[in-house]
Amino acid sequence: MALKFDAAAYNFRKKCPYVSKDLLRWFPGHMNKGLKQIQRKLKSVDCVIEVHDARIPFSGRNPIFTSTITGAKPHILVLNKKDLTINSFIPKVKDQLAAEDGVNNVVFTNSKDQFCRGLKTLRPLMIDLIKDSNRFNRSEELDYNVMIIGVPNVGKSSLINMLRSRNTHNRHALPVGAVAGVTRSMQTKIRINNNPVIFMFDTPGILEPTVTNVEMGLKLSLCASLQDHLVGEETIADYLLYWLNAHNHFKYVEFMGLEEPCDDINKVLIAGSMKFNRIRRIRDFDGGNRDVPDIIETARIMIRAFRTGELGKTLLDIDIIKNKKLHVE
């Protein structure tokens, strides 16, 4: 069990760490190419599924999707990785998405769990929305085409693989990974259902070309939608520490080998390097060698613990649900 601490006894930071927006900007060529492919293919699609991370249901959704692509076709917002978020907030998230963004078809899933209830509801929801829509140039077609879109590393390919496995009993067709950017171009359509025949187009994760809010960018990086080395592991770990302290989540204290909460990321990472024996040898100017804590590797361990749920279930957008403003730059 996590140790209990009185947050009022500590003078934690009130603002998130400062980070240059340049570090949070990642829009490589394959994203621009993928966006053009998506827009060209849209006319041959019957439904669009937008996948996002359930820990950030409001932050980081690409406005290009919400303003153009999803408005043209029946749209389902899949909030994946529900096993890592706080389930008691799911009804509030759905209500707020409907009230503020007009998103009425929201499904929470865990694409790694074949028995996930959300995955069971996704296929019939797709079919109902397509049947009730005007399919225009595809009205005479018996098969259904579905496009899956979203920012990087939210589980789009994993979702397709699980739907394919559940509904056609075929093996996984798409490569997946824990690093953002595994899918780099639009894939050929993949059959994920036999009756009716449903094909899915996998697409590369696409971020906003510019970062409008630093904390939103840090949330995306913490959830692995940005590649770690672009932002820096120590910077990501520092934001994680800030957020955990600000929301009284103190499982990290025991995990990182501390005696009490700490607001200094250097002290936290040094303690963690001792606990996990992450030490590296460096050469001094005089030619001698000495051992120092491996801060970067320890930061990776801390970040990985968050991403796998070892530091507890989290909802990074909880302040937005409570109608509080994000901490600004």
C-alpha atoms as a PDB file:
ATOM      1  CA  MET A   1       0.000   0.000   0.000  1.00  0.00           C
ATOM      2  CA  ALA A   2       1.065   3.571  -0.697  1.00  0.00           C
ATOM      3  CA  LEU A   3       2.267   5.583   2.248  1.00  0.00           C
ATOM      4  CA  LYS A   4      -0.054   8.330   3.539  1.00  0.00           C
ATOM      5  CA  PHE A   5       1.211  11.892   3.607  1.00  0.00           C
ATOM      6  CA  ASP A   6      -0.370  15.234   4.442  1.00  0.00           C
ATOM      7  CA  ALA A   7       0.014  17.301   1.279  1.00  0.00           C
ATOM      8  CA  ALA A   8      -0.621  20.516   3.236  1.00  0.00           C
ATOM      9  CA  ALA A   9       2.677  19.998   5.048  1.00  0.00           C
ATOM     10  CA  TYR A  10       4.661  20.430   1.848  1.00  0.00           C
ATOM     11  CA  ASN A  11       5.228  23.532  -0.243  1.00  0.00           C
ATOM     12  CA  PHE A  12       4.850  22.019  -3.698  1.00  0.00           C
ATOM     13  CA  ARG A  13       5.189  23.964  -6.940  1.00  0.00           C
ATOM     14  CA  LYS A  14       2.073  25.711  -8.220  1.00  0.00           C
ATOM     15  CA  LYS A  15       3.101  25.882 -11.883  1.00  0.00           C
ATOM     16  CA  CYS A  16       4.315  23.207 -14.236  1.00  0.00           C
ATOM     17  CA  PRO A  17       7.999  23.170 -15.227  1.00  0.00           C
ATOM     18  CA  TYR A  18       9.010  25.626 -17.921  1.00  0.00           C
ATOM     19  CA  VAL A  19       9.756  23.984 -21.252  1.00  0.00           C
ATOM     20  CA  SER A  20      10.465  25.632 -24.578  1.00  0.00           C
ATOM     21  CA  LYS A  21       7.675  25.023 -27.071  1.00  0.00           C
ATOM     22  CA  ASP A  22      10.338  24.052 -29.608  1.00  0.00           C
ATOM     23  CA  LEU A  23      11.004  20.877 -27.624  1.00  0.00           C
ATOM     24  CA  LEU A  24       7.331  19.928 -27.838  1.00  0.00           C
ATOM     25  CA  ARG A  25       6.980  20.470 -31.580  1.00  0.00           C
ATOM     26  CA  TRP A  26       7.172  17.258 -33.619  1.00  0.00           C
ATOM     27  CA  PHE A  27       5.665  17.210 -37.103  1.00  0.00           C
ATOM     28  CA  PRO A  28       7.968  15.121 -39.322  1.00  0.00           C
ATOM     29  CA  GLY A  29       7.383  14.624 -43.010  1.00  0.00           C
ATOM     30  CA  HIS A  30       5.444  11.388 -42.643  1.00  0.00           C
ATOM     31  CA  MET A  31       2.762  13.220 -40.605  1.00  0.00           C
ATOM     32  CA  ASN A  32       2.212  15.816 -43.315  1.00  0.00           C
ATOM     33  CA  LYS A  33       2.102  13.069 -45.928  1.00  0.00           C
ATOM     34  CA  GLY A  34      -0.269  11.001 -43.796  1.00  0.00           C
ATOM     35  CA  LEU A  35      -2.629  13.932 -43.303  1.00  0.00           C
ATOM     36  CA  LYS A  36      -2.896  14.437 -47.074  1.00  0.00           C
ATOM     37  CA  GLN A  37      -3.528  10.695 -47.542  1.00  0.00           C
ATOM     38  CA  ILE A  38      -6.305  10.795 -44.941  1.00  0.00           C
ATOM     39  CA  GLN A  39      -8.008  13.747 -46.609  1.00  0.00           C
ATOM     40  CA  ARG A  40      -7.857  12.092 -50.051  1.00  0.00           C
ATOM     41  CA  LYS A  41      -9.204   8.776 -48.767  1.00  0.00           C
ATOM     42  CA  LEU A  42     -12.060  10.313 -46.792  1.00  0.00           C
ATOM     43  CA  LYS A  43     -14.559  10.138 -49.657  1.00  0.00           C
ATOM     44  CA  SER A  44     -14.306   6.333 -49.713  1.00  0.00           C
ATOM     45  CA  VAL A  45     -14.861   5.986 -45.946  1.00  0.00           C
ATOM     46  CA  ASP A  46     -18.176   5.321 -44.178  1.00  0.00           C
ATOM     47  CA  CYS A  47     -17.124   6.056 -40.588  1.00  0.00           C
ATOM     48  CA  VAL A  48     -14.192   7.668 -38.758  1.00  0.00           C
ATOM     49  CA  ILE A  49     -12.880   6.342 -35.456  1.00  0.00           C
ATOM     50  CA  GLU A  50     -10.699   8.786 -33.576  1.00  0.00           C
ATOM     51  CA  VAL A  51      -8.536   7.121 -30.911  1.00  0.00           C
ATOM     52  CA  HIS A  52      -7.099   9.073 -27.997  1.00  0.00           C
ATOM     53  CA  ASP A  53      -5.552   8.325 -24.608  1.00  0.00           C
ATOM     54  CA  ALA A  54      -8.134   7.946 -21.823  1.00  0.00           C
ATOM     55  CA  ARG A  55      -5.786   9.697 -19.379  1.00  0.00           C
ATOM     56  CA  ILE A  56      -6.013  12.912 -21.433  1.00  0.00           C
ATOM     57  CA  PRO A  57      -9.541  12.868 -22.905  1.00  0.00           C
ATOM     58  CA  PHE A  58      -9.527  16.628 -23.585  1.00  0.00           C
ATOM     59  CA  SER A  59      -5.837  17.513 -24.012  1.00  0.00           C
ATOM     60  CA  GLY A  60      -3.941  16.966 -27.239  1.00  0.00           C
ATOM     61  CA  ARG A  61      -6.719  15.917 -29.605  1.00  0.00           C
ATOM     62  CA  ASN A  62      -5.676  17.219 -32.983  1.00  0.00           C
ATOM     63  CA  PRO A  63      -8.017  20.103 -33.969  1.00  0.00           C
ATOM     64  CA  ILE A  64      -7.466  19.214 -37.635  1.00  0.00           C
ATOM     65  CA  PHE A  65      -9.408  16.023 -36.912  1.00  0.00           C
ATOM     66  CA  THR A  66     -12.184  17.666 -34.937  1.00  0.00           C
ATOM     67  CA  SER A  67     -12.715  20.588 -37.333  1.00  0.00           C
ATOM     68  CA  THR A  68     -12.585  18.866 -40.716  1.00  0.00           C
ATOM     69  CA  ILE A  69     -12.249  15.096 -40.871  1.00  0.00           C
ATOM     70  CA  THR A  70     -14.606  13.897 -38.149  1.00  0.00           C
ATOM     71  CA  GLY A  71     -17.328  16.370 -39.088  1.00  0.00           C
ATOM     72  CA  ALA A  72     -17.702  14.925 -42.572  1.00  0.00           C
ATOM     73  CA  LYS A  73     -18.502  11.336 -41.574  1.00  0.00           C
ATOM     74  CA  PRO A  74     -20.082   9.421 -38.674  1.00  0.00           C
ATOM     75  CA  HIS A  75     -17.589   9.739 -35.834  1.00  0.00           C
ATOM     76  CA  ILE A  76     -16.710   7.625 -32.794  1.00  0.00           C
ATOM     77  CA  LEU A  77     -14.223   8.812 -30.186  1.00  0.00           C
ATOM     78  CA  VAL A  78     -12.421   5.839 -28.648  1.00  0.00           C
ATOM     79  CA  LEU A  79     -10.610   6.644 -25.416  1.00  0.00           C
ATOM     80  CA  ASN A  80      -8.107   3.817 -25.157  1.00  0.00           C
ATOM     81  CA  LYS A  81      -6.009   2.612 -22.204  1.00  0.00           C
ATOM     82  CA  LYS A  82      -8.978   2.795 -19.855  1.00  0.00           C
ATOM     83  CA  ASP A  83      -7.146   0.380 -17.560  1.00  0.00           C
ATOM     84  CA  LEU A  84      -4.759   3.238 -16.698  1.00  0.00           C
ATOM     85  CA  THR A  85      -7.350   5.918 -15.957  1.00  0.00           C
ATOM     86  CA  ILE A  86      -9.802   6.499 -13.089  1.00  0.00           C
ATOM     87  CA  ASN A  87     -13.033   4.747 -14.038  1.00  0.00           C
ATOM     88  CA  SER A  88     -15.242   6.733 -11.666  1.00  0.00           C
ATOM     89  CA  PHE A  89     -14.726   9.825 -13.848  1.00  0.00           C
ATOM     90  CA  ILE A  90     -15.844   8.146 -17.083  1.00  0.00           C
ATOM     91  CA  PRO A  91     -19.477   9.395 -16.891  1.00  0.00           C
ATOM     92  CA  LYS A  92     -18.284  12.969 -16.260  1.00  0.00           C
ATOM     93  CA  VAL A  93     -15.859  12.772 -19.170  1.00  0.00           C
ATOM     94  CA  LYS A  94     -18.613  11.577 -21.513  1.00  0.00           C
ATOM     95  CA  ASP A  95     -21.022  14.281 -20.361  1.00  0.00           C
ATOM     96  CA  GLN A  96     -18.446  17.027 -20.802  1.00  0.00           C
ATOM     97  CA  LEU A  97     -17.366  15.820 -24.245  1.00  0.00           C
ATOM     98  CA  ALA A  98     -21.000  15.825 -25.353  1.00  0.00           C
ATOM     99  CA  ALA A  99     -21.767  19.229 -23.846  1.00  0.00           C
ATOM    100  CA  GLU A 100     -18.628  21.094 -24.918  1.00  0.00           C
ATOM    101  CA  ASP A 101     -17.407  19.311 -28.057  1.00  0.00           C
ATOM    102  CA  GLY A 102     -20.611  17.732 -29.379  1.00  0.00           C
ATOM    103  CA  VAL A 103     -19.085  14.261 -29.230  1.00  0.00           C
ATOM    104  CA  ASN A 104     -21.912  11.859 -28.416  1.00  0.00           C
ATOM    105  CA  ASN A 105     -20.365   8.520 -29.393  1.00  0.00           C
ATOM    106  CA  VAL A 106     -17.607   7.905 -26.848  1.00  0.00           C
ATOM    107  CA  VAL A 107     -16.266   4.417 -26.117  1.00  0.00           C
ATOM    108  CA  PHE A 108     -13.641   3.581 -23.480  1.00  0.00           C
ATOM    109  CA  THR A 109     -11.446   0.609 -24.387  1.00  0.00           C
ATOM    110  CA  ASN A 110      -8.422  -1.404 -23.388  1.00  0.00           C
ATOM    111  CA  SER A 111      -7.057  -2.693 -26.689  1.00  0.00           C
ATOM    112  CA  LYS A 112      -4.922  -5.269 -24.874  1.00  0.00           C
ATOM    113  CA  ASP A 113      -7.925  -6.979 -23.265  1.00  0.00           C
ATOM    114  CA  GLN A 114      -9.949  -9.189 -25.601  1.00  0.00           C
ATOM    115  CA  PHE A 115     -12.790  -9.253 -23.049  1.00  0.00           C
ATOM    116  CA  CYS A 116     -13.032  -5.457 -22.824  1.00  0.00           C
ATOM    117  CA  ARG A 117     -16.664  -4.337 -22.782  1.00  0.00           C
ATOM    118  CA  GLY A 118     -15.865  -1.284 -24.890  1.00  0.00           C
ATOM    119  CA  LEU A 119     -14.424  -3.460 -27.652  1.00  0.00           C
ATOM    120  CA  LYS A 120     -17.642  -5.502 -27.662  1.00  0.00           C
ATOM    121  CA  THR A 121     -19.776  -2.397 -28.190  1.00  0.00           C
ATOM    122  CA  LEU A 122     -17.586  -0.851 -30.882  1.00  0.00           C
ATOM    123  CA  ARG A 123     -18.587  -3.079 -33.808  1.00  0.00           C
ATOM    124  CA  PRO A 124     -22.395  -2.757 -33.402  1.00  0.00           C
ATOM    125  CA  LEU A 125     -22.034   0.994 -32.847  1.00  0.00           C
ATOM    126  CA  MET A 126     -20.071   1.345 -36.107  1.00  0.00           C
ATOM    127  CA  ILE A 127     -22.679  -0.643 -38.011  1.00  0.00           C
ATOM    128  CA  ASP A 128     -25.624   1.336 -36.593  1.00  0.00           C
ATOM    129  CA  LEU A 129     -24.020   4.718 -37.338  1.00  0.00           C
ATOM    130  CA  ILE A 130     -23.172   3.724 -40.910  1.00  0.00           C
ATOM    131  CA  LYS A 131     -26.650   2.327 -41.586  1.00  0.00           C
ATOM    132  CA  ASP A 132     -28.249   5.523 -40.289  1.00  0.00           C
ATOM    133  CA  SER A 133     -25.988   7.786 -42.360  1.00  0.00           C
ATOM    134  CA  ASN A 134     -26.080   9.019 -45.956  1.00  0.00           C
ATOM    135  CA  ARG A 135     -23.250   7.081 -47.554  1.00  0.00           C
ATOM    136  CA  PHE A 136     -23.360   9.193 -50.742  1.00  0.00           C
ATOM    137  CA  ASN A 137     -21.104   7.570 -53.372  1.00  0.00           C
ATOM    138  CA  ARG A 138     -20.873   4.355 -51.325  1.00  0.00           C
ATOM    139  CA  SER A 139     -24.604   3.816 -50.840  1.00  0.00           C
ATOM    140  CA  GLU A 140     -24.633   0.784 -53.175  1.00  0.00           C
ATOM    141  CA  GLU A 141     -21.590  -0.873 -51.602  1.00  0.00           C
ATOM    142  CA  LEU A 142     -22.231  -3.848 -49.326  1.00  0.00           C
ATOM    143  CA  ASP A 143     -18.922  -3.601 -47.462  1.00  0.00           C
ATOM    144  CA  TYR A 144     -18.102  -0.860 -44.933  1.00  0.00           C
ATOM    145  CA  ASN A 145     -14.889   1.158 -44.840  1.00  0.00           C
ATOM    146  CA  VAL A 146     -13.757   2.629 -41.533  1.00  0.00           C
ATOM    147  CA  MET A 147     -10.787   4.947 -41.017  1.00  0.00           C
ATOM    148  CA  ILE A 148      -8.952   5.051 -37.696  1.00  0.00           C
ATOM    149  CA  ILE A 149      -7.136   8.293 -36.810  1.00  0.00           C
ATOM    150  CA  GLY A 150      -5.458   9.898 -33.798  1.00  0.00           C
ATOM    151  CA  VAL A 151      -2.237  11.266 -32.361  1.00  0.00           C
ATOM    152  CA  PRO A 152       0.786   8.916 -32.080  1.00  0.00           C
ATOM    153  CA  ASN A 153       0.943   5.982 -29.690  1.00  0.00           C
ATOM    154  CA  VAL A 154      -2.656   5.905 -28.463  1.00  0.00           C
ATOM    155  CA  GLY A 155      -3.205   2.305 -29.589  1.00  0.00           C
ATOM    156  CA  LYS A 156      -4.708   2.614 -33.092  1.00  0.00           C
ATOM    157  CA  SER A 157      -2.895  -0.400 -34.537  1.00  0.00           C
ATOM    158  CA  SER A 158      -3.492  -2.426 -31.371  1.00  0.00           C
ATOM    159  CA  LEU A 159      -7.200  -1.658 -31.598  1.00  0.00           C
ATOM    160  CA  ILE A 160      -7.364  -2.854 -35.204  1.00  0.00           C
ATOM    161  CA  ASN A 161      -5.465  -6.023 -34.332  1.00  0.00           C
ATOM    162  CA  MET A 162      -7.816  -6.800 -31.446  1.00  0.00           C
ATOM    163  CA  LEU A 163     -10.970  -6.171 -33.509  1.00  0.00           C
ATOM    164  CA  ARG A 164      -9.558  -8.346 -36.291  1.00  0.00           C
ATOM    165  CA  SER A 165      -8.685 -11.111 -33.855  1.00  0.00           C
ATOM    166  CA  ARG A 166     -12.078 -10.988 -32.080  1.00  0.00           C
ATOM    167  CA  ASN A 167     -14.290 -10.786 -35.145  1.00  0.00           C
ATOM    168  CA  THR A 168     -12.439 -12.756 -37.841  1.00  0.00           C
ATOM    169  CA  HIS A 169     -10.235 -15.043 -35.695  1.00  0.00           C
ATOM    170  CA  ASN A 170      -7.243 -14.084 -37.821  1.00  0.00           C
ATOM    171  CA  ARG A 171      -3.827 -13.200 -36.508  1.00  0.00           C
ATOM    172  CA  HIS A 172      -2.695  -9.639 -35.916  1.00  0.00           C
ATOM    173  CA  ALA A 173      -1.920  -7.801 -39.134  1.00  0.00           C
ATOM    174  CA  LEU A 174      -0.186  -4.619 -37.951  1.00  0.00           C
ATOM    175  CA  PRO A 175       3.059  -3.961 -36.084  1.00  0.00           C
ATOM    176  CA  VAL A 176       2.720  -2.162 -32.743  1.00  0.00           C
ATOM    177  CA  GLY A 177       5.194  -0.643 -30.317  1.00  0.00           C
ATOM    178  CA  ALA A 178       5.588   1.513 -27.236  1.00  0.00           C
ATOM    179  CA  VAL A 179       7.396   4.237 -29.181  1.00  0.00           C
ATOM    180  CA  ALA A 180       5.470   6.964 -30.986  1.00  0.00           C
ATOM    181  CA  GLY A 181       5.572   6.797 -34.780  1.00  0.00           C
ATOM    182  CA  VAL A 182       5.550   3.040 -35.519  1.00  0.00           C
ATOM    183  CA  THR A 183       2.911   3.517 -38.235  1.00  0.00           C
ATOM    184  CA  ARG A 184       4.406   5.975 -40.727  1.00  0.00           C
ATOM    185  CA  SER A 185       2.001   5.762 -43.667  1.00  0.00           C
ATOM    186  CA  MET A 186      -1.580   4.786 -44.415  1.00  0.00           C
ATOM    187  CA  GLN A 187      -1.909   1.008 -44.547  1.00  0.00           C
ATOM    188  CA  THR A 188      -3.932  -0.976 -47.085  1.00  0.00           C
ATOM    189  CA  LYS A 189      -7.390  -1.745 -45.773  1.00  0.00           C
ATOM    190  CA  ILE A 190      -7.624  -4.623 -43.331  1.00  0.00           C
ATOM    191  CA  ARG A 191     -10.687  -6.813 -42.866  1.00  0.00           C
ATOM    192  CA  ILE A 192     -11.847  -6.695 -39.242  1.00  0.00           C
ATOM    193  CA  ASN A 193     -15.321  -8.210 -39.617  1.00  0.00           C
ATOM    194  CA  ASN A 194     -16.977 -10.783 -41.888  1.00  0.00           C
ATOM    195  CA  ASN A 195     -20.716 -10.192 -41.528  1.00  0.00           C
ATOM    196  CA  PRO A 196     -21.110  -7.475 -42.603  1.00  0.00           C
ATOM    197  CA  VAL A 197     -17.717  -7.087 -44.205  1.00  0.00           C
ATOM    198  CA  ILE A 198     -15.880  -4.211 -42.517  1.00  0.00           C
ATOM    199  CA  PHE A 199     -12.476  -2.946 -43.597  1.00  0.00           C
ATOM    200  CA  MET A 200     -10.296  -0.567 -41.608  1.00  0.00           C
ATOM    201  CA  PHE A 201      -7.622   1.865 -42.752  1.00  0.00           C
ATOM    202  CA  ASP A 202      -4.799   2.368 -40.267  1.00  0.00           C
ATOM    203  CA  THR A 203      -3.168   5.799 -40.410  1.00  0.00           C
ATOM    204  CA  PRO A 204      -0.036   7.368 -38.910  1.00  0.00           C
ATOM    205  CA  GLY A 205      -0.408   9.327 -35.700  1.00  0.00           C
ATOM    206  CA  ILE A 206      -0.618  13.030 -36.459  1.00  0.00           C
ATOM    207  CA  LEU A 207       0.023  15.871 -34.005  1.00  0.00           C
ATOM    208  CA  GLU A 208      -0.654  19.575 -34.300  1.00  0.00           C
ATOM    209  CA  PRO A 209       2.119  21.297 -36.272  1.00  0.00           C
ATOM    210  CA  THR A 210       2.377  23.903 -33.493  1.00  0.00           C
ATOM    211  CA  VAL A 211       2.050  23.616 -29.721  1.00  0.00           C
ATOM    212  CA  THR A 212      -0.472  26.039 -28.281  1.00  0.00           C
ATOM    213  CA  ASN A 213      -0.085  25.081 -24.627  1.00  0.00           C
ATOM    214  CA  VAL A 214       3.060  23.844 -22.901  1.00  0.00           C
ATOM    215  CA  GLU A 215       1.263  21.724 -20.322  1.00  0.00           C
ATOM    216  CA  MET A 216      -0.787  20.029 -23.029  1.00  0.00           C
ATOM    217  CA  GLY A 217       2.481  19.179 -24.798  1.00  0.00           C
ATOM    218  CA  LEU A 218       3.955  17.795 -21.586  1.00  0.00           C
ATOM    219  CA  LYS A 219       0.896  15.606 -21.071  1.00  0.00           C
ATOM    220  CA  LEU A 220       1.291  14.228 -24.587  1.00  0.00           C
ATOM    221  CA  SER A 221       4.968  13.528 -23.941  1.00  0.00           C
ATOM    222  CA  LEU A 222       4.196  11.829 -20.615  1.00  0.00           C
ATOM    223  CA  CYS A 223       1.678   9.586 -22.384  1.00  0.00           C
ATOM    224  CA  ALA A 224       4.332   8.767 -25.031  1.00  0.00           C
ATOM    225  CA  SER A 225       2.673  10.570 -27.939  1.00  0.00           C
ATOM    226  CA  LEU A 226       5.947  12.448 -28.385  1.00  0.00           C
ATOM    227  CA  GLN A 227       9.212  10.556 -28.568  1.00  0.00           C
ATOM    228  CA  ASP A 228      10.989  10.809 -25.215  1.00  0.00           C
ATOM    229  CA  HIS A 229      14.354  11.961 -26.522  1.00  0.00           C
ATOM    230  CA  LEU A 230      12.801  14.993 -28.218  1.00  0.00           C
ATOM    231  CA  VAL A 231      11.572  16.459 -24.932  1.00  0.00           C
ATOM    232  CA  GLY A 232      14.115  14.801 -22.646  1.00  0.00           C
ATOM    233  CA  GLU A 233      13.464  12.064 -20.106  1.00  0.00           C
ATOM    234  CA  GLU A 234      14.453  14.243 -17.151  1.00  0.00           C
ATOM    235  CA  THR A 235      12.034  16.963 -18.274  1.00  0.00           C
ATOM    236  CA  ILE A 236       9.184  14.460 -18.653  1.00  0.00           C
ATOM    237  CA  ALA A 237       9.944  12.986 -15.223  1.00  0.00           C
ATOM    238  CA  ASP A 238       9.966  16.488 -13.724  1.00  0.00           C
ATOM    239  CA  TYR A 239       6.485  17.193 -15.107  1.00  0.00           C
ATOM    240  CA  LEU A 240       5.310  13.828 -13.776  1.00  0.00           C
ATOM    241  CA  LEU A 241       6.664  14.687 -10.326  1.00  0.00           C
ATOM    242  CA  TYR A 242       4.970  18.102 -10.433  1.00  0.00           C
ATOM    243  CA  TRP A 243       1.623  16.552 -11.415  1.00  0.00           C
ATOM    244  CA  LEU A 244       1.757  13.746  -8.850  1.00  0.00           C
ATOM    245  CA  ASN A 245       2.529  16.167  -6.013  1.00  0.00           C
ATOM    246  CA  ALA A 246      -0.119  18.648  -7.145  1.00  0.00           C
ATOM    247  CA  HIS A 247      -2.767  15.920  -7.040  1.00  0.00           C
ATOM    248  CA  ASN A 248      -1.649  14.103  -3.874  1.00  0.00           C
ATOM    249  CA  HIS A 249      -0.488  10.954  -5.641  1.00  0.00           C
ATOM    250  CA  PHE A 250       2.399   9.729  -3.537  1.00  0.00           C
ATOM    251  CA  LYS A 251       3.022   6.162  -4.693  1.00  0.00           C
ATOM    252  CA  TYR A 252       6.228   7.423  -6.254  1.00  0.00           C
ATOM    253  CA  VAL A 253       7.730   8.005  -2.783  1.00  0.00           C
ATOM    254  CA  GLU A 254       8.095   4.310  -2.016  1.00  0.00           C
ATOM    255  CA  PHE A 255       8.721   3.370  -5.636  1.00  0.00           C
ATOM    256  CA  MET A 256      11.678   5.755  -5.959  1.00  0.00           C
ATOM    257  CA  GLY A 257      13.166   4.870  -2.575  1.00  0.00           C
ATOM    258  CA  LEU A 258      12.292   8.119  -0.794  1.00  0.00           C
ATOM    259  CA  GLU A 259      11.202   8.639   2.792  1.00  0.00           C
ATOM    260  CA  GLU A 260       8.717  11.419   2.027  1.00  0.00           C
ATOM    261  CA  PRO A 261       7.389  13.449  -0.926  1.00  0.00           C
ATOM    262  CA  CYS A 262       9.918  15.656  -2.664  1.00  0.00           C
ATOM    263  CA  ASP A 263       9.525  18.486  -5.180  1.00  0.00           C
ATOM    264  CA  ASP A 264      13.108  18.358  -6.482  1.00  0.00           C
ATOM    265  CA  ILE A 265      13.433  16.006  -9.454  1.00  0.00           C
ATOM    266  CA  ASN A 266      17.210  15.732  -9.013  1.00  0.00           C
ATOM    267  CA  LYS A 267      16.828  14.421  -5.461  1.00  0.00           C
ATOM    268  CA  VAL A 268      14.107  12.020  -6.590  1.00  0.00           C
ATOM    269  CA  LEU A 269      16.187  10.635  -9.447  1.00  0.00           C
ATOM    270  CA  ILE A 270      19.317  10.312  -7.324  1.00  0.00           C
ATOM    271  CA  ALA A 271      17.350   8.341  -4.728  1.00  0.00           C
ATOM    272  CA  GLY A 272      15.892   6.164  -7.484  1.00  0.00           C
ATOM    273  CA  SER A 273      19.295   5.508  -9.012  1.00  0.00           C
ATOM    274  CA  MET A 274      20.514   4.219  -5.642  1.00  0.00           C
ATOM    275  CA  LYS A 275      17.464   1.994  -5.208  1.00  0.00           C
ATOM    276  CA  PHE A 276      17.584   0.546  -8.727  1.00  0.00           C
ATOM    277  CA  ASN A 277      21.397   0.481  -8.876  1.00  0.00           C
ATOM    278  CA  ARG A 278      21.496   2.667 -11.960  1.00  0.00           C
ATOM    279  CA  ILE A 279      25.085   3.887 -11.767  1.00  0.00           C
ATOM    280  CA  ARG A 280      27.423   4.816 -14.582  1.00  0.00           C
ATOM    281  CA  ARG A 281      31.186   5.298 -14.571  1.00  0.00           C
ATOM    282  CA  ILE A 282      32.648   8.510 -15.939  1.00  0.00           C
ATOM    283  CA  ARG A 283      36.211   9.635 -16.516  1.00  0.00           C
ATOM    284  CA  ASP A 284      37.459  12.726 -14.696  1.00  0.00           C
ATOM    285  CA  PHE A 285      39.749  15.341 -16.206  1.00  0.00           C
ATOM    286  CA  ASP A 286      42.675  13.873 -14.289  1.00  0.00           C
ATOM    287  CA  GLY A 287      42.165  10.495 -15.966  1.00  0.00           C
ATOM    288  CA  GLY A 288      40.549   8.791 -12.976  1.00  0.00           C
ATOM    289  CA  ASN A 289      37.161   7.105 -12.942  1.00  0.00           C
ATOM    290  CA  ARG A 290      34.227   7.650 -10.613  1.00  0.00           C
ATOM    291  CA  ASP A 291      30.674   6.363 -10.309  1.00  0.00           C
ATOM    292  CA  VAL A 292      27.736   8.758 -10.625  1.00  0.00           C
ATOM    293  CA  PRO A 293      23.947   8.234 -10.599  1.00  0.00           C
ATOM    294  CA  ASP A 294      22.508   7.496 -14.038  1.00  0.00           C
ATOM    295  CA  ILE A 295      19.830  10.192 -13.971  1.00  0.00           C
ATOM    296  CA  ILE A 296      18.513   9.589 -17.486  1.00  0.00           C
ATOM    297  CA  GLU A 297      18.047   5.845 -17.039  1.00  0.00           C
ATOM    298  CA  THR A 298      16.361   6.409 -13.668  1.00  0.00           C
ATOM    299  CA  ALA A 299      14.034   8.967 -15.272  1.00  0.00           C
ATOM    300  CA  ARG A 300      13.119   6.305 -17.834  1.00  0.00           C
ATOM    301  CA  ILE A 301      12.240   3.919 -15.017  1.00  0.00           C
ATOM    302  CA  MET A 302      10.012   6.524 -13.351  1.00  0.00           C
ATOM    303  CA  ILE A 303       8.251   7.391 -16.616  1.00  0.00           C
ATOM    304  CA  ARG A 304       7.763   3.716 -17.464  1.00  0.00           C
ATOM    305  CA  ALA A 305       6.207   3.142 -14.031  1.00  0.00           C
ATOM    306  CA  PHE A 306       3.640   5.841 -14.766  1.00  0.00           C
ATOM    307  CA  ARG A 307       2.848   4.467 -18.216  1.00  0.00           C
ATOM    308  CA  THR A 308       2.309   0.935 -16.945  1.00  0.00           C
ATOM    309  CA  GLY A 309       0.196   1.999 -13.955  1.00  0.00           C
ATOM    310  CA  GLU A 310       2.729   1.152 -11.254  1.00  0.00           C
ATOM    311  CA  LEU A 311       2.348   4.668  -9.829  1.00  0.00           C
ATOM    312  CA  GLY A 312      -1.435   4.311  -9.732  1.00  0.00           C
ATOM    313  CA  LYS A 313      -4.277   5.078 -12.108  1.00  0.00           C
ATOM    314  CA  THR A 314      -4.336   8.700 -13.208  1.00  0.00           C
ATOM    315  CA  LEU A 315      -6.460  11.180 -15.099  1.00  0.00           C
ATOM    316  CA  LEU A 316      -4.136  13.961 -16.200  1.00  0.00           C
ATOM    317  CA  ASP A 317      -7.095  16.099 -17.291  1.00  0.00           C
ATOM    318  CA  ILE A 318      -8.796  15.982 -13.914  1.00  0.00           C
ATOM    319  CA  ASP A 319      -8.460  19.763 -13.494  1.00  0.00           C
ATOM    320  CA  ILE A 320     -10.353  20.314 -16.730  1.00  0.00           C
ATOM    321  CA  ILE A 321     -13.183  18.076 -15.547  1.00  0.00           C
ATOM    322  CA  LYS A 322     -13.359  20.082 -12.343  1.00  0.00           C
ATOM    323  CA  ASN A 323     -13.645  23.197 -14.517  1.00  0.00           C
ATOM    324  CA  LYS A 324     -10.305  24.521 -13.384  1.00  0.00           C
ATOM    325  CA  LYS A 325      -7.902  26.132 -15.820  1.00  0.00           C
ATOM    326  CA  LEU A 326      -4.674  24.462 -16.852  1.00  0.00           C
ATOM    327  CA  HIS A 327      -1.523  25.883 -15.313  1.00  0.00           C
ATOM    328  CA  VAL A 328      -0.069  28.047 -18.052  1.00  0.00           C
ATOM    329  CA  GLU A 329       3.520  28.559 -19.122  1.00  0.00           C
END
